[in-house]
Amino acid sequence: MNWKERIVSDKNVLMGKPIIKGTRISIEFILDRLANGWSEEMILQSYPLLTKEDLLAVYSYLNDLEKDGLVYEIRAKAL
């Protein structure tokens, strides 16, 4: 999956946050829904502009961020 075909950033849209191309739906917004228990089906039903391929692009984008070390390190708390 080449996420660059589906995820863009434009300084004039949502202050440059990465969004799904052709929408104002940010990657952050999609991740928030997933983190709060929404299923992919719930997201796709609620936001009909999105496709399954858009969600796959989000996962691919995050995978590349992780590979590039652009995701915050999580440190274990001392007990």
PDB file of N, CA and C in Angstrom:
ATOM      1  N   MET A   1       0.853  -1.188   0.000  1.00  0.00           N
ATOM      2  CA  MET A   1       0.000   0.000   0.000  1.00  0.00           C
ATOM      3  C   MET A   1       0.890   1.238   0.000  1.00  0.00           C
ATOM      4  N   ASN A   2       0.697   2.091  -0.973  1.00  0.00           N
ATOM      5  CA  ASN A   2       1.414   3.361  -1.028  1.00  0.00           C
ATOM      6  C   ASN A   2       0.529   4.443  -0.423  1.00  0.00           C
ATOM      7  N   TRP A   3       0.734   4.701   0.850  1.00  0.00           N
ATOM      8  CA  TRP A   3      -0.115   5.658   1.556  1.00  0.00           C
ATOM      9  C   TRP A   3      -0.028   7.071   0.976  1.00  0.00           C
ATOM     10  N   LYS A   4       1.056   7.371   0.287  1.00  0.00           N
ATOM     11  CA  LYS A   4       1.248   8.720  -0.251  1.00  0.00           C
ATOM     12  C   LYS A   4       0.220   9.072  -1.327  1.00  0.00           C
ATOM     13  N   GLU A   5      -0.459   8.065  -1.854  1.00  0.00           N
ATOM     14  CA  GLU A   5      -1.508   8.316  -2.835  1.00  0.00           C
ATOM     15  C   GLU A   5      -2.816   8.727  -2.160  1.00  0.00           C
ATOM     16  N   ARG A   6      -2.935   8.492  -0.843  1.00  0.00           N
ATOM     17  CA  ARG A   6      -4.200   8.726  -0.141  1.00  0.00           C
ATOM     18  C   ARG A   6      -4.090   9.695   1.031  1.00  0.00           C
ATOM     19  N   ILE A   7      -2.890   9.926   1.524  1.00  0.00           N
ATOM     20  CA  ILE A   7      -2.706  10.810   2.673  1.00  0.00           C
ATOM     21  C   ILE A   7      -1.873  12.009   2.241  1.00  0.00           C
ATOM     22  N   VAL A   8      -2.394  13.195   2.543  1.00  0.00           N
ATOM     23  CA  VAL A   8      -1.721  14.425   2.142  1.00  0.00           C
ATOM     24  C   VAL A   8      -1.693  15.397   3.317  1.00  0.00           C
ATOM     25  N   SER A   9      -0.894  16.415   3.160  1.00  0.00           N
ATOM     26  CA  SER A   9      -0.823  17.481   4.152  1.00  0.00           C
ATOM     27  C   SER A   9      -0.824  18.803   3.405  1.00  0.00           C
ATOM     28  N   ASP A  10      -1.712  19.690   3.820  1.00  0.00           N
ATOM     29  CA  ASP A  10      -1.837  21.002   3.197  1.00  0.00           C
ATOM     30  C   ASP A  10      -1.938  22.030   4.316  1.00  0.00           C
ATOM     31  N   LYS A  11      -1.010  22.969   4.343  1.00  0.00           N
ATOM     32  CA  LYS A  11      -0.983  23.954   5.430  1.00  0.00           C
ATOM     33  C   LYS A  11      -2.282  24.747   5.540  1.00  0.00           C
ATOM     34  N   ASN A  12      -3.092  24.748   4.479  1.00  0.00           N
ATOM     35  CA  ASN A  12      -4.362  25.472   4.486  1.00  0.00           C
ATOM     36  C   ASN A  12      -5.544  24.625   4.963  1.00  0.00           C
ATOM     37  N   VAL A  13      -5.282  23.370   5.252  1.00  0.00           N
ATOM     38  CA  VAL A  13      -6.346  22.475   5.718  1.00  0.00           C
ATOM     39  C   VAL A  13      -5.922  21.877   7.057  1.00  0.00           C
ATOM     40  N   LEU A  14      -6.705  22.148   8.086  1.00  0.00           N
ATOM     41  CA  LEU A  14      -6.441  21.635   9.439  1.00  0.00           C
ATOM     42  C   LEU A  14      -5.002  21.895   9.892  1.00  0.00           C
ATOM     43  N   MET A  15      -4.524  23.065   9.567  1.00  0.00           N
ATOM     44  CA  MET A  15      -3.180  23.512   9.974  1.00  0.00           C
ATOM     45  C   MET A  15      -2.074  22.550   9.539  1.00  0.00           C
ATOM     46  N   GLY A  16      -2.281  21.863   8.422  1.00  0.00           N
ATOM     47  CA  GLY A  16      -1.251  20.999   7.877  1.00  0.00           C
ATOM     48  C   GLY A  16      -1.228  19.588   8.427  1.00  0.00           C
ATOM     49  N   LYS A  17      -2.206  19.235   9.262  1.00  0.00           N
ATOM     50  CA  LYS A  17      -2.256  17.860   9.767  1.00  0.00           C
ATOM     51  C   LYS A  17      -2.453  16.896   8.593  1.00  0.00           C
ATOM     52  N   PRO A  18      -1.878  15.708   8.667  1.00  0.00           N
ATOM     53  CA  PRO A  18      -2.117  14.724   7.605  1.00  0.00           C
ATOM     54  C   PRO A  18      -3.605  14.361   7.553  1.00  0.00           C
ATOM     55  N   ILE A  19      -4.160  14.375   6.351  1.00  0.00           N
ATOM     56  CA  ILE A  19      -5.571  14.074   6.134  1.00  0.00           C
ATOM     57  C   ILE A  19      -5.719  13.058   5.012  1.00  0.00           C
ATOM     58  N   ILE A  20      -6.908  12.475   4.923  1.00  0.00           N
ATOM     59  CA  ILE A  20      -7.238  11.629   3.790  1.00  0.00           C
ATOM     60  C   ILE A  20      -7.513  12.549   2.608  1.00  0.00           C
ATOM     61  N   LYS A  21      -6.824  12.291   1.513  1.00  0.00           N
ATOM     62  CA  LYS A  21      -6.930  13.120   0.314  1.00  0.00           C
ATOM     63  C   LYS A  21      -8.394  13.306  -0.094  1.00  0.00           C
ATOM     64  N   GLY A  22      -8.760  14.550  -0.397  1.00  0.00           N
ATOM     65  CA  GLY A  22     -10.102  14.866  -0.837  1.00  0.00           C
ATOM     66  C   GLY A  22     -11.103  15.043   0.292  1.00  0.00           C
ATOM     67  N   THR A  23     -10.618  14.997   1.537  1.00  0.00           N
ATOM     68  CA  THR A  23     -11.499  15.174   2.696  1.00  0.00           C
ATOM     69  C   THR A  23     -10.838  16.150   3.661  1.00  0.00           C
ATOM     70  N   ARG A  24     -11.538  16.416   4.746  1.00  0.00           N
ATOM     71  CA  ARG A  24     -10.961  17.152   5.868  1.00  0.00           C
ATOM     72  C   ARG A  24     -10.874  16.225   7.072  1.00  0.00           C
ATOM     73  N   ILE A  25     -10.769  14.932   6.810  1.00  0.00           N
ATOM     74  CA  ILE A  25     -10.697  13.926   7.871  1.00  0.00           C
ATOM     75  C   ILE A  25      -9.224  13.624   8.133  1.00  0.00           C
ATOM     76  N   SER A  26      -8.783  13.966   9.345  1.00  0.00           N
ATOM     77  CA  SER A  26      -7.372  13.803   9.675  1.00  0.00           C
ATOM     78  C   SER A  26      -7.066  12.381  10.142  1.00  0.00           C
ATOM     79  N   ILE A  27      -5.806  12.019  10.014  1.00  0.00           N
ATOM     80  CA  ILE A  27      -5.329  10.734  10.525  1.00  0.00           C
ATOM     81  C   ILE A  27      -5.561  10.699  12.033  1.00  0.00           C
ATOM     82  N   GLU A  28      -5.306  11.808  12.679  1.00  0.00           N
ATOM     83  CA  GLU A  28      -5.513  11.911  14.122  1.00  0.00           C
ATOM     84  C   GLU A  28      -6.961  11.588  14.495  1.00  0.00           C
ATOM     85  N   PHE A  29      -7.906  12.090  13.727  1.00  0.00           N
ATOM     86  CA  PHE A  29      -9.325  11.861  13.979  1.00  0.00           C
ATOM     87  C   PHE A  29      -9.660  10.374  13.855  1.00  0.00           C
ATOM     88  N   ILE A  30      -9.153   9.742  12.813  1.00  0.00           N
ATOM     89  CA  ILE A  30      -9.402   8.316  12.613  1.00  0.00           C
ATOM     90  C   ILE A  30      -8.802   7.509  13.756  1.00  0.00           C
ATOM     91  N   LEU A  31      -7.579   7.828  14.143  1.00  0.00           N
ATOM     92  CA  LEU A  31      -6.931   7.109  15.244  1.00  0.00           C
ATOM     93  C   LEU A  31      -7.679   7.304  16.554  1.00  0.00           C
ATOM     94  N   ASP A  32      -8.206   8.497  16.765  1.00  0.00           N
ATOM     95  CA  ASP A  32      -8.987   8.753  17.971  1.00  0.00           C
ATOM     96  C   ASP A  32     -10.213   7.852  18.015  1.00  0.00           C
ATOM     97  N   ARG A  33     -10.881   7.715  16.882  1.00  0.00           N
ATOM     98  CA  ARG A  33     -12.053   6.840  16.829  1.00  0.00           C
ATOM     99  C   ARG A  33     -11.650   5.396  17.136  1.00  0.00           C
ATOM    100  N   LEU A  34     -10.598   4.918  16.521  1.00  0.00           N
ATOM    101  CA  LEU A  34     -10.147   3.544  16.766  1.00  0.00           C
ATOM    102  C   LEU A  34      -9.747   3.344  18.224  1.00  0.00           C
ATOM    103  N   ALA A  35      -9.049   4.327  18.793  1.00  0.00           N
ATOM    104  CA  ALA A  35      -8.606   4.233  20.189  1.00  0.00           C
ATOM    105  C   ALA A  35      -9.780   4.240  21.164  1.00  0.00           C
ATOM    106  N   ASN A  36     -10.910   4.770  20.728  1.00  0.00           N
ATOM    107  CA  ASN A  36     -12.097   4.818  21.575  1.00  0.00           C
ATOM    108  C   ASN A  36     -13.083   3.697  21.273  1.00  0.00           C
ATOM    109  N   GLY A  37     -12.589   2.654  20.622  1.00  0.00           N
ATOM    110  CA  GLY A  37     -13.388   1.455  20.445  1.00  0.00           C
ATOM    111  C   GLY A  37     -14.209   1.354  19.177  1.00  0.00           C
ATOM    112  N   TRP A  38     -14.097   2.323  18.298  1.00  0.00           N
ATOM    113  CA  TRP A  38     -14.832   2.234  17.042  1.00  0.00           C
ATOM    114  C   TRP A  38     -14.213   1.141  16.179  1.00  0.00           C
ATOM    115  N   SER A  39     -15.025   0.388  15.501  1.00  0.00           N
ATOM    116  CA  SER A  39     -14.538  -0.596  14.538  1.00  0.00           C
ATOM    117  C   SER A  39     -14.343   0.098  13.187  1.00  0.00           C
ATOM    118  N   GLU A  40     -13.645  -0.573  12.295  1.00  0.00           N
ATOM    119  CA  GLU A  40     -13.493  -0.026  10.949  1.00  0.00           C
ATOM    120  C   GLU A  40     -14.862   0.159  10.307  1.00  0.00           C
ATOM    121  N   GLU A  41     -15.746  -0.810  10.511  1.00  0.00           N
ATOM    122  CA  GLU A  41     -17.091  -0.720   9.933  1.00  0.00           C
ATOM    123  C   GLU A  41     -17.843   0.504  10.443  1.00  0.00           C
ATOM    124  N   MET A  42     -17.730   0.784  11.731  1.00  0.00           N
ATOM    125  CA  MET A  42     -18.394   1.964  12.297  1.00  0.00           C
ATOM    126  C   MET A  42     -17.869   3.240  11.656  1.00  0.00           C
ATOM    127  N   ILE A  43     -16.563   3.312  11.469  1.00  0.00           N
ATOM    128  CA  ILE A  43     -15.954   4.493  10.845  1.00  0.00           C
ATOM    129  C   ILE A  43     -16.439   4.643   9.412  1.00  0.00           C
ATOM    130  N   LEU A  44     -16.398   3.554   8.658  1.00  0.00           N
ATOM    131  CA  LEU A  44     -16.799   3.612   7.251  1.00  0.00           C
ATOM    132  C   LEU A  44     -18.279   3.953   7.094  1.00  0.00           C
ATOM    133  N   GLN A  45     -19.124   3.465   7.997  1.00  0.00           N
ATOM    134  CA  GLN A  45     -20.548   3.789   7.930  1.00  0.00           C
ATOM    135  C   GLN A  45     -20.807   5.245   8.310  1.00  0.00           C
ATOM    136  N   SER A  46     -20.058   5.741   9.286  1.00  0.00           N
ATOM    137  CA  SER A  46     -20.267   7.111   9.759  1.00  0.00           C
ATOM    138  C   SER A  46     -19.656   8.166   8.845  1.00  0.00           C
ATOM    139  N   TYR A  47     -18.639   7.790   8.102  1.00  0.00           N
ATOM    140  CA  TYR A  47     -17.930   8.729   7.222  1.00  0.00           C
ATOM    141  C   TYR A  47     -17.840   8.117   5.829  1.00  0.00           C
ATOM    142  N   PRO A  48     -18.931   8.215   5.055  1.00  0.00           N
ATOM    143  CA  PRO A  48     -19.004   7.520   3.761  1.00  0.00           C
ATOM    144  C   PRO A  48     -17.982   7.974   2.723  1.00  0.00           C
ATOM    145  N   LEU A  49     -17.311   9.097   2.949  1.00  0.00           N
ATOM    146  CA  LEU A  49     -16.242   9.488   2.022  1.00  0.00           C
ATOM    147  C   LEU A  49     -15.016   8.591   2.162  1.00  0.00           C
ATOM    148  N   LEU A  50     -14.896   7.924   3.309  1.00  0.00           N
ATOM    149  CA  LEU A  50     -13.752   7.052   3.553  1.00  0.00           C
ATOM    150  C   LEU A  50     -13.990   5.670   2.958  1.00  0.00           C
ATOM    151  N   THR A  51     -12.883   5.034   2.567  1.00  0.00           N
ATOM    152  CA  THR A  51     -12.936   3.673   2.039  1.00  0.00           C
ATOM    153  C   THR A  51     -12.029   2.775   2.876  1.00  0.00           C
ATOM    154  N   LYS A  52     -12.189   1.496   2.686  1.00  0.00           N
ATOM    155  CA  LYS A  52     -11.317   0.527   3.354  1.00  0.00           C
ATOM    156  C   LYS A  52      -9.855   0.810   2.981  1.00  0.00           C
ATOM    157  N   GLU A  53      -9.619   1.188   1.738  1.00  0.00           N
ATOM    158  CA  GLU A  53      -8.262   1.499   1.281  1.00  0.00           C
ATOM    159  C   GLU A  53      -7.689   2.711   2.014  1.00  0.00           C
ATOM    160  N   ASP A  54      -8.540   3.665   2.352  1.00  0.00           N
ATOM    161  CA  ASP A  54      -8.087   4.821   3.132  1.00  0.00           C
ATOM    162  C   ASP A  54      -7.604   4.368   4.508  1.00  0.00           C
ATOM    163  N   LEU A  55      -8.344   3.465   5.127  1.00  0.00           N
ATOM    164  CA  LEU A  55      -7.934   2.960   6.439  1.00  0.00           C
ATOM    165  C   LEU A  55      -6.632   2.164   6.326  1.00  0.00           C
ATOM    166  N   LEU A  56      -6.495   1.387   5.269  1.00  0.00           N
ATOM    167  CA  LEU A  56      -5.236   0.658   5.061  1.00  0.00           C
ATOM    168  C   LEU A  56      -4.076   1.633   4.868  1.00  0.00           C
ATOM    169  N   ALA A  57      -4.345   2.752   4.213  1.00  0.00           N
ATOM    170  CA  ALA A  57      -3.312   3.777   4.031  1.00  0.00           C
ATOM    171  C   ALA A  57      -2.897   4.365   5.381  1.00  0.00           C
ATOM    172  N   VAL A  58      -3.852   4.556   6.275  1.00  0.00           N
ATOM    173  CA  VAL A  58      -3.545   5.059   7.623  1.00  0.00           C
ATOM    174  C   VAL A  58      -2.600   4.089   8.325  1.00  0.00           C
ATOM    175  N   TYR A  59      -2.903   2.804   8.254  1.00  0.00           N
ATOM    176  CA  TYR A  59      -2.050   1.802   8.910  1.00  0.00           C
ATOM    177  C   TYR A  59      -0.654   1.779   8.291  1.00  0.00           C
ATOM    178  N   SER A  60      -0.594   1.896   6.979  1.00  0.00           N
ATOM    179  CA  SER A  60       0.701   1.903   6.292  1.00  0.00           C
ATOM    180  C   SER A  60       1.513   3.147   6.664  1.00  0.00           C
ATOM    181  N   TYR A  61       0.836   4.283   6.753  1.00  0.00           N
ATOM    182  CA  TYR A  61       1.464   5.542   7.156  1.00  0.00           C
ATOM    183  C   TYR A  61       2.075   5.402   8.554  1.00  0.00           C
ATOM    184  N   LEU A  62       1.294   4.863   9.479  1.00  0.00           N
ATOM    185  CA  LEU A  62       1.777   4.667  10.848  1.00  0.00           C
ATOM    186  C   LEU A  62       2.927   3.683  10.898  1.00  0.00           C
ATOM    187  N   ASN A  63       2.855   2.658  10.099  1.00  0.00           N
ATOM    188  CA  ASN A  63       3.947   1.684  10.039  1.00  0.00           C
ATOM    189  C   ASN A  63       5.238   2.350   9.581  1.00  0.00           C
ATOM    190  N   ASP A  64       5.147   3.199   8.572  1.00  0.00           N
ATOM    191  CA  ASP A  64       6.340   3.910   8.100  1.00  0.00           C
ATOM    192  C   ASP A  64       6.866   4.877   9.161  1.00  0.00           C
ATOM    193  N   LEU A  65       5.978   5.548   9.877  1.00  0.00           N
ATOM    194  CA  LEU A  65       6.429   6.433  10.956  1.00  0.00           C
ATOM    195  C   LEU A  65       7.205   5.648  12.007  1.00  0.00           C
ATOM    196  N   GLU A  66       6.686   4.507  12.369  1.00  0.00           N
ATOM    197  CA  GLU A  66       7.349   3.662  13.367  1.00  0.00           C
ATOM    198  C   GLU A  66       8.718   3.209  12.866  1.00  0.00           C
ATOM    199  N   LYS A  67       8.786   2.781  11.631  1.00  0.00           N
ATOM    200  CA  LYS A  67      10.056   2.335  11.048  1.00  0.00           C
ATOM    201  C   LYS A  67      11.086   3.459  11.043  1.00  0.00           C
ATOM    202  N   ASP A  68      10.614   4.679  10.780  1.00  0.00           N
ATOM    203  CA  ASP A  68      11.510   5.828  10.700  1.00  0.00           C
ATOM    204  C   ASP A  68      11.840   6.414  12.065  1.00  0.00           C
ATOM    205  N   GLY A  69      11.262   5.835  13.114  1.00  0.00           N
ATOM    206  CA  GLY A  69      11.540   6.314  14.466  1.00  0.00           C
ATOM    207  C   GLY A  69      10.861   7.625  14.793  1.00  0.00           C
ATOM    208  N   LEU A  70       9.746   7.922  14.131  1.00  0.00           N
ATOM    209  CA  LEU A  70       9.067   9.191  14.355  1.00  0.00           C
ATOM    210  C   LEU A  70       7.917   9.076  15.345  1.00  0.00           C
ATOM    211  N   VAL A  71       7.828   7.945  16.010  1.00  0.00           N
ATOM    212  CA  VAL A  71       6.802   7.731  17.021  1.00  0.00           C
ATOM    213  C   VAL A  71       7.476   7.829  18.374  1.00  0.00           C
ATOM    214  N   TYR A  72       6.793   8.459  19.308  1.00  0.00           N
ATOM    215  CA  TYR A  72       7.370   8.659  20.630  1.00  0.00           C
ATOM    216  C   TYR A  72       7.733   7.353  21.314  1.00  0.00           C
ATOM    217  N   GLU A  73       8.865   7.357  21.971  1.00  0.00           N
ATOM    218  CA  GLU A  73       9.295   6.204  22.750  1.00  0.00           C
ATOM    219  C   GLU A  73       8.436   6.113  24.021  1.00  0.00           C
ATOM    220  N   ILE A  74       8.038   4.896  24.342  1.00  0.00           N
ATOM    221  CA  ILE A  74       7.255   4.666  25.563  1.00  0.00           C
ATOM    222  C   ILE A  74       8.189   4.054  26.589  1.00  0.00           C
ATOM    223  N   ARG A  75       8.295   4.700  27.714  1.00  0.00           N
ATOM    224  CA  ARG A  75       9.164   4.209  28.782  1.00  0.00           C
ATOM    225  C   ARG A  75       8.328   3.557  29.873  1.00  0.00           C
ATOM    226  N   ALA A  76       8.812   2.433  30.352  1.00  0.00           N
ATOM    227  CA  ALA A  76       8.111   1.732  31.428  1.00  0.00           C
ATOM    228  C   ALA A  76       8.273   2.523  32.729  1.00  0.00           C
ATOM    229  N   LYS A  77       7.209   2.573  33.502  1.00  0.00           N
ATOM    230  CA  LYS A  77       7.264   3.255  34.799  1.00  0.00           C
ATOM    231  C   LYS A  77       7.864   2.300  35.829  1.00  0.00           C
ATOM    232  N   ALA A  78       8.677   2.855  36.707  1.00  0.00           N
ATOM    233  CA  ALA A  78       9.248   2.052  37.781  1.00  0.00           C
ATOM    234  C   ALA A  78       8.153   1.742  38.794  1.00  0.00           C
ATOM    235  N   LEU A  79       8.188   0.546  39.316  1.00  0.00           N
ATOM    236  CA  LEU A  79       7.171   0.160  40.325  1.00  0.00           C
ATOM    237  C   LEU A  79       7.610   0.523  41.707  1.00  0.00           C
TER     238      LEU A  79
END
